[in-house]
Amino acid sequence: MAKRNLIDITDLTTGEIDELIATAEDIIDSPAKYAHVCDGKQLATLFFEPSTRTRLSFESAMLGLGGQTLGFSAANSSSTAKGETVVDTVHTVSCYADIIAMRHPKEGAPFAAAQRSEVPIINAGDGGHNHPTQTLTDLLTIHREKGKLCDFTIGFCGDLKFGRTVHSLTSALSRETGIHFVFISPEELKLPDYLKENVLNKNGIPFEETASLEAVMPKLDVLYMTRVQKERFFNEADYIRLKDTYVLTPEKLVPAKKDLTILHPLPRVNEISVAVDDDPRAAYFRQVRNGKFIRMALIMKLLDLKA
């Protein structure tokens, strides 16, 4: 089988995503069946940018399949600190591991690395561009919460300019039927024009943009909150001015649907009050748990392994 990478969510067909979701749900129901699928296999996690959930989720996924892990969690602990190129680092590590999960602050770095890697590369986040495995996590969560991936209204709230999770999930859901998008942000953090033009307008997909979360809350079936990302700002004053634009509280959820699903890729800062955590509609920690299982399914797919 030719080496297969996951750099962008559109590298997977909608049929393949459905298969991954089905596998992940089977793993949730029958974990013992998958406990030795990756015996003798190694996953390398190369994280040139900080991460908690994504890196540990990948490691937990590989361990759950019976495999092993190696890697680093900071660029300064790798030879890039000595001047080695990212491509050479990945090429070297591909001599040791069977599959690599890579995060990098520069857009396109995982794609460049994949050209020289001898094993499959999974993009675990590249700058403000893409985060396909978080999107798979989001899709699994929506499917488990709603029972479908079609015919609903989703609101994305917060940093839509730099939010790579928003970009990936918008691209993925644009291939489903009956999705209505609502983009909630201040003017400075609106969804990039390339997504509106090349994904939404090009395919005739309805969407609306607003600065008011309260105004659209009653119509939402899914609310996807995001933090304003300090690390993407060049001007700290702009970050400070915008960081608390949206704070979800129990009071703001009063007019929301009783079966609303609240998602957040985490980490959160102030944008969701901890008082919301006990609301049964808050699915973001269930979302975290789902990340392990969908990554297990993805590792199996890219290594062409079956239970």
Protein backbone atom coordinates (compact mmCIF):
# COMPACT_ATOMS: atom_id res chain seq x y z
CA MET A 1 0.00 0.00 0.00
CA ALA A 2 1.33 3.48 -0.91
CA LYS A 3 2.13 5.78 2.02
CA ARG A 4 -0.94 7.82 2.98
CA ASN A 5 -0.76 11.11 4.89
CA LEU A 6 -3.40 13.28 6.54
CA ILE A 7 -2.47 16.94 6.00
CA ASP A 8 -5.89 18.46 5.29
CA ILE A 9 -9.33 17.15 6.25
CA THR A 10 -10.21 17.05 2.55
CA ASP A 11 -7.53 14.37 2.09
CA LEU A 12 -10.30 12.09 3.37
CA THR A 13 -13.52 11.50 1.47
CA THR A 14 -16.81 11.82 3.32
CA GLY A 15 -17.13 8.04 3.01
CA GLU A 16 -13.75 7.54 4.67
CA ILE A 17 -14.75 9.90 7.47
CA ASP A 18 -17.93 7.90 8.01
CA GLU A 19 -15.81 4.73 8.19
CA LEU A 20 -13.46 6.31 10.74
CA ILE A 21 -16.43 7.38 12.88
CA ALA A 22 -17.88 3.87 12.71
CA THR A 23 -14.53 2.37 13.73
CA ALA A 24 -14.13 4.86 16.59
CA GLU A 25 -17.60 4.04 17.89
CA ASP A 26 -16.77 0.34 17.75
CA ILE A 27 -13.56 1.02 19.70
CA ILE A 28 -15.64 2.83 22.34
CA ASP A 29 -17.98 -0.17 22.58
CA SER A 30 -15.33 -2.93 22.36
CA PRO A 31 -11.89 -1.59 23.38
CA ALA A 32 -10.42 -5.04 24.09
CA LYS A 33 -10.87 -6.00 20.45
CA TYR A 34 -8.35 -3.31 19.47
CA ALA A 35 -5.85 -3.67 22.31
CA HIS A 36 -3.14 -5.37 20.22
CA VAL A 37 -3.75 -4.00 16.72
CA CYS A 38 -0.49 -1.98 16.82
CA ASP A 39 1.72 -4.45 18.66
CA GLY A 40 5.30 -3.78 17.53
CA LYS A 41 4.42 -0.40 15.96
CA GLN A 42 5.76 3.00 17.05
CA LEU A 43 4.21 6.47 16.82
CA ALA A 44 6.46 9.54 16.94
CA THR A 45 4.94 12.78 18.23
CA LEU A 46 6.93 15.76 16.92
CA PHE A 47 5.46 18.87 18.51
CA PHE A 48 7.30 22.07 17.59
CA GLU A 49 4.52 24.03 19.33
CA PRO A 50 2.98 23.50 22.80
CA SER A 51 0.14 21.02 23.20
CA THR A 52 -1.54 19.06 25.96
CA ARG A 53 -4.65 17.38 24.58
CA THR A 54 -3.51 16.63 21.05
CA ARG A 55 -0.11 15.19 21.93
CA LEU A 56 -1.35 13.13 24.88
CA SER A 57 -4.39 12.04 22.88
CA PHE A 58 -2.14 10.65 20.14
CA GLU A 59 0.07 8.91 22.67
CA SER A 60 -2.92 7.49 24.53
CA ALA A 61 -4.39 6.32 21.21
CA MET A 62 -1.24 4.45 20.21
CA LEU A 63 -0.88 2.89 23.66
CA GLY A 64 -4.54 1.86 23.52
CA LEU A 65 -3.76 -0.02 20.31
CA GLY A 66 -0.82 -1.84 21.90
CA GLY A 67 1.86 0.28 20.23
CA GLN A 68 4.63 2.45 21.61
CA THR A 69 5.44 6.16 21.41
CA LEU A 70 8.49 8.38 21.16
CA GLY A 71 9.07 12.04 20.37
CA PHE A 72 9.36 15.51 21.85
CA SER A 73 6.98 18.22 23.03
CA ALA A 74 9.05 21.36 22.40
CA ALA A 75 11.17 22.55 19.47
CA ASN A 76 14.05 23.50 21.78
CA SER A 77 14.44 19.86 22.79
CA SER A 78 15.04 18.79 19.18
CA SER A 79 17.94 19.32 16.80
CA THR A 80 16.09 22.21 15.16
CA ALA A 81 17.56 24.20 18.06
CA LYS A 82 20.95 23.45 16.47
CA GLY A 83 19.80 24.63 13.07
CA GLU A 84 18.53 21.38 11.56
CA THR A 85 15.65 21.86 9.13
CA VAL A 86 12.23 20.54 10.05
CA VAL A 87 12.26 18.38 6.92
CA ASP A 88 15.54 16.74 7.95
CA THR A 89 14.25 16.18 11.50
CA VAL A 90 11.13 14.45 10.19
CA HIS A 91 13.10 12.45 7.61
CA THR A 92 15.38 11.24 10.41
CA VAL A 93 12.56 10.32 12.77
CA SER A 94 10.78 8.44 9.98
CA CYS A 95 13.70 6.00 10.13
CA TYR A 96 12.72 5.13 13.72
CA ALA A 97 8.92 5.18 13.73
CA ASP A 98 6.05 3.68 11.73
CA ILE A 99 3.89 6.83 11.75
CA ILE A 100 4.39 10.47 12.79
CA ALA A 101 2.04 13.06 14.31
CA MET A 102 3.48 16.53 13.77
CA ARG A 103 2.51 20.01 15.00
CA HIS A 104 4.29 23.13 13.78
CA PRO A 105 3.62 26.90 14.06
CA LYS A 106 4.26 27.46 10.33
CA GLU A 107 1.49 26.79 7.86
CA GLY A 108 2.45 24.09 5.38
CA ALA A 109 5.26 22.57 7.46
CA PRO A 110 3.61 19.11 7.75
CA PHE A 111 2.99 19.08 3.99
CA ALA A 112 6.65 19.86 3.30
CA ALA A 113 7.78 17.23 5.79
CA ALA A 114 5.52 14.61 4.23
CA GLN A 115 7.43 14.91 0.95
CA ARG A 116 10.55 13.42 2.58
CA SER A 117 9.11 11.22 5.30
CA GLU A 118 9.29 7.48 4.76
CA VAL A 119 6.20 6.88 6.91
CA PRO A 120 2.71 8.44 7.12
CA ILE A 121 2.53 12.00 8.45
CA ILE A 122 -0.48 13.26 10.41
CA ASN A 123 -0.89 17.02 10.63
CA ALA A 124 -1.55 17.73 14.31
CA GLY A 125 -1.93 21.46 13.64
CA ASP A 126 0.00 23.87 11.42
CA GLY A 127 -0.15 27.48 12.53
CA GLY A 128 -3.54 29.10 11.95
CA HIS A 129 -4.23 26.91 8.93
CA ASN A 130 -5.45 23.40 9.65
CA HIS A 131 -6.11 20.83 12.37
CA PRO A 132 -7.66 17.77 10.68
CA THR A 133 -7.59 15.38 13.64
CA GLN A 134 -9.40 17.91 15.82
CA THR A 135 -11.96 18.08 13.04
CA LEU A 136 -12.35 14.31 13.11
CA THR A 137 -12.82 14.61 16.88
CA ASP A 138 -15.45 17.30 16.35
CA LEU A 139 -17.28 15.24 13.72
CA LEU A 140 -17.32 12.14 15.94
CA THR A 141 -18.65 14.25 18.82
CA ILE A 142 -21.38 15.85 16.71
CA HIS A 143 -22.36 12.42 15.40
CA ARG A 144 -22.57 10.98 18.91
CA GLU A 145 -24.47 13.99 20.27
CA LYS A 146 -26.83 14.54 17.32
CA GLY A 147 -26.88 11.14 15.63
CA LYS A 148 -26.06 12.74 12.28
CA LEU A 149 -23.71 15.05 10.39
CA CYS A 150 -26.34 16.82 8.30
CA ASP A 151 -29.31 19.19 8.55
CA PHE A 152 -28.41 21.45 11.45
CA THR A 153 -27.27 25.01 12.20
CA ILE A 154 -23.80 25.47 13.67
CA GLY A 155 -22.45 28.69 15.15
CA PHE A 156 -18.71 29.32 15.37
CA CYS A 157 -17.90 31.96 17.98
CA GLY A 158 -14.69 33.82 18.78
CA ASP A 159 -11.42 33.82 16.87
CA LEU A 160 -12.43 32.76 13.38
CA LYS A 161 -9.44 34.39 11.68
CA PHE A 162 -6.68 32.35 13.32
CA GLY A 163 -8.79 29.41 14.56
CA ARG A 164 -7.47 26.45 12.57
CA THR A 165 -10.09 24.18 14.13
CA VAL A 166 -12.81 26.43 12.72
CA HIS A 167 -11.21 26.41 9.28
CA SER A 168 -10.94 22.61 9.15
CA LEU A 169 -14.43 21.94 10.51
CA THR A 170 -15.99 24.45 8.12
CA SER A 171 -14.31 22.67 5.20
CA ALA A 172 -15.47 19.28 6.44
CA LEU A 173 -19.09 20.23 7.13
CA SER A 174 -19.37 22.06 3.81
CA ARG A 175 -19.42 18.62 2.16
CA GLU A 176 -22.46 17.53 4.16
CA THR A 177 -26.08 18.38 3.29
CA GLY A 178 -28.33 20.88 5.02
CA ILE A 179 -25.67 22.66 7.09
CA HIS A 180 -26.28 26.34 7.87
CA PHE A 181 -23.24 28.23 9.15
CA VAL A 182 -23.33 31.20 11.53
CA PHE A 183 -20.00 32.96 12.12
CA ILE A 184 -19.90 35.08 15.29
CA SER A 185 -16.87 37.32 15.78
CA PRO A 186 -15.63 40.89 16.06
CA GLU A 187 -14.70 42.53 12.75
CA GLU A 188 -10.98 41.94 13.34
CA LEU A 189 -11.37 38.17 13.78
CA LYS A 190 -13.79 37.30 10.97
CA LEU A 191 -13.51 34.11 8.95
CA PRO A 192 -10.81 34.49 6.23
CA ASP A 193 -12.08 35.50 2.80
CA TYR A 194 -10.48 32.47 1.12
CA LEU A 195 -12.76 30.15 3.08
CA LYS A 196 -15.85 32.18 2.30
CA GLU A 197 -15.01 32.37 -1.39
CA ASN A 198 -13.40 28.98 -2.09
CA VAL A 199 -15.49 26.80 0.21
CA LEU A 200 -18.83 28.45 1.04
CA ASN A 201 -19.70 30.74 -1.87
CA LYS A 202 -18.18 28.39 -4.43
CA ASN A 203 -20.51 25.61 -3.31
CA GLY A 204 -23.57 27.79 -2.71
CA ILE A 205 -23.59 27.08 1.03
CA PRO A 206 -25.69 29.46 3.16
CA PHE A 207 -23.95 31.34 5.94
CA GLU A 208 -24.31 34.51 7.95
CA GLU A 209 -21.88 36.69 9.89
CA THR A 210 -22.71 38.61 13.04
CA ALA A 211 -21.01 40.20 16.03
CA SER A 212 -23.82 39.21 18.42
CA LEU A 213 -23.92 35.76 20.01
CA GLU A 214 -27.14 36.61 21.85
CA ALA A 215 -28.96 37.46 18.62
CA VAL A 216 -28.39 34.05 17.04
CA MET A 217 -28.37 31.80 20.11
CA PRO A 218 -32.01 30.58 19.75
CA LYS A 219 -31.42 29.20 16.25
CA LEU A 220 -28.25 27.17 16.96
CA ASP A 221 -28.14 23.37 17.15
CA VAL A 222 -24.38 23.35 17.75
CA LEU A 223 -22.29 26.15 19.29
CA TYR A 224 -18.55 25.91 18.70
CA MET A 225 -16.72 28.30 21.03
CA THR A 226 -13.07 29.22 20.49
CA ARG A 227 -10.50 31.18 22.44
CA VAL A 228 -8.80 34.29 21.10
CA GLN A 229 -5.31 32.98 20.41
CA LYS A 230 -2.66 35.17 21.99
CA GLU A 231 0.15 33.32 20.21
CA ARG A 232 -1.16 34.39 16.77
CA PHE A 233 -1.21 38.13 17.54
CA PHE A 234 1.60 40.49 16.60
CA ASN A 235 0.22 43.26 18.79
CA GLU A 236 -0.50 42.46 22.46
CA ALA A 237 -2.76 45.49 22.79
CA ASP A 238 -5.07 44.05 20.12
CA TYR A 239 -5.15 40.72 21.95
CA ILE A 240 -6.03 42.37 25.28
CA ARG A 241 -8.77 44.41 23.62
CA LEU A 242 -10.38 41.38 21.95
CA LYS A 243 -9.72 38.45 24.29
CA ASP A 244 -12.91 38.71 26.36
CA THR A 245 -15.29 39.71 23.57
CA TYR A 246 -17.41 36.58 24.12
CA VAL A 247 -17.93 34.83 27.44
CA LEU A 248 -20.53 32.05 27.50
CA THR A 249 -22.48 31.98 30.76
CA PRO A 250 -25.58 30.11 31.99
CA GLU A 251 -27.56 33.33 31.57
CA LYS A 252 -26.68 33.56 27.87
CA LEU A 253 -27.86 29.97 27.40
CA VAL A 254 -31.39 30.65 28.65
CA PRO A 255 -32.83 31.26 25.15
CA ALA A 256 -30.83 28.39 23.60
CA LYS A 257 -32.38 25.14 22.42
CA LYS A 258 -32.76 22.42 25.04
CA ASP A 259 -30.75 20.03 22.88
CA LEU A 260 -28.00 22.49 21.96
CA THR A 261 -24.52 20.93 21.81
CA ILE A 262 -21.69 23.14 23.10
CA LEU A 263 -18.24 22.35 21.74
CA HIS A 264 -14.80 23.84 22.33
CA PRO A 265 -11.45 22.45 21.10
CA LEU A 266 -9.81 23.62 24.35
CA PRO A 267 -7.83 25.02 26.05
CA ARG A 268 -10.33 27.59 27.20
CA VAL A 269 -9.30 30.83 28.85
CA ASN A 270 -12.34 32.96 29.78
CA GLU A 271 -14.71 32.29 26.89
CA ILE A 272 -16.77 29.62 28.69
CA SER A 273 -17.63 30.14 32.34
CA VAL A 274 -16.94 27.09 34.52
CA ALA A 275 -20.57 27.45 35.61
CA VAL A 276 -21.53 26.07 32.18
CA ASP A 277 -19.63 22.81 32.78
CA ASP A 278 -22.51 21.16 34.64
CA ASP A 279 -25.00 21.94 31.88
CA PRO A 280 -25.78 18.65 30.07
CA ARG A 281 -25.44 20.52 26.78
CA ALA A 282 -21.75 21.15 27.49
CA ALA A 283 -20.01 18.46 25.43
CA TYR A 284 -16.44 19.74 25.35
CA PHE A 285 -15.01 17.23 27.83
CA ARG A 286 -16.83 14.41 26.04
CA GLN A 287 -15.23 15.90 22.94
CA VAL A 288 -11.77 15.50 24.54
CA ARG A 289 -12.45 11.83 25.28
CA ASN A 290 -13.63 11.21 21.74
CA GLY A 291 -10.31 12.52 20.41
CA LYS A 292 -8.49 9.41 21.59
CA PHE A 293 -10.85 7.02 19.85
CA ILE A 294 -10.94 8.79 16.48
CA ARG A 295 -7.14 8.99 16.49
CA MET A 296 -6.99 5.26 17.19
CA ALA A 297 -9.17 4.71 14.14
CA LEU A 298 -7.01 7.05 12.04
CA ILE A 299 -3.74 5.38 13.04
CA MET A 300 -5.20 2.03 12.03
CA LYS A 301 -6.35 3.40 8.69
CA LEU A 302 -3.03 5.02 7.76
CA LEU A 303 -1.12 1.88 8.77
CA ASP A 304 -3.68 -0.29 6.96
CA LEU A 305 -4.39 -2.39 10.06
CA LYS A 306 -7.57 -4.19 11.06
CA ALA A 307 -8.86 -5.43 14.39
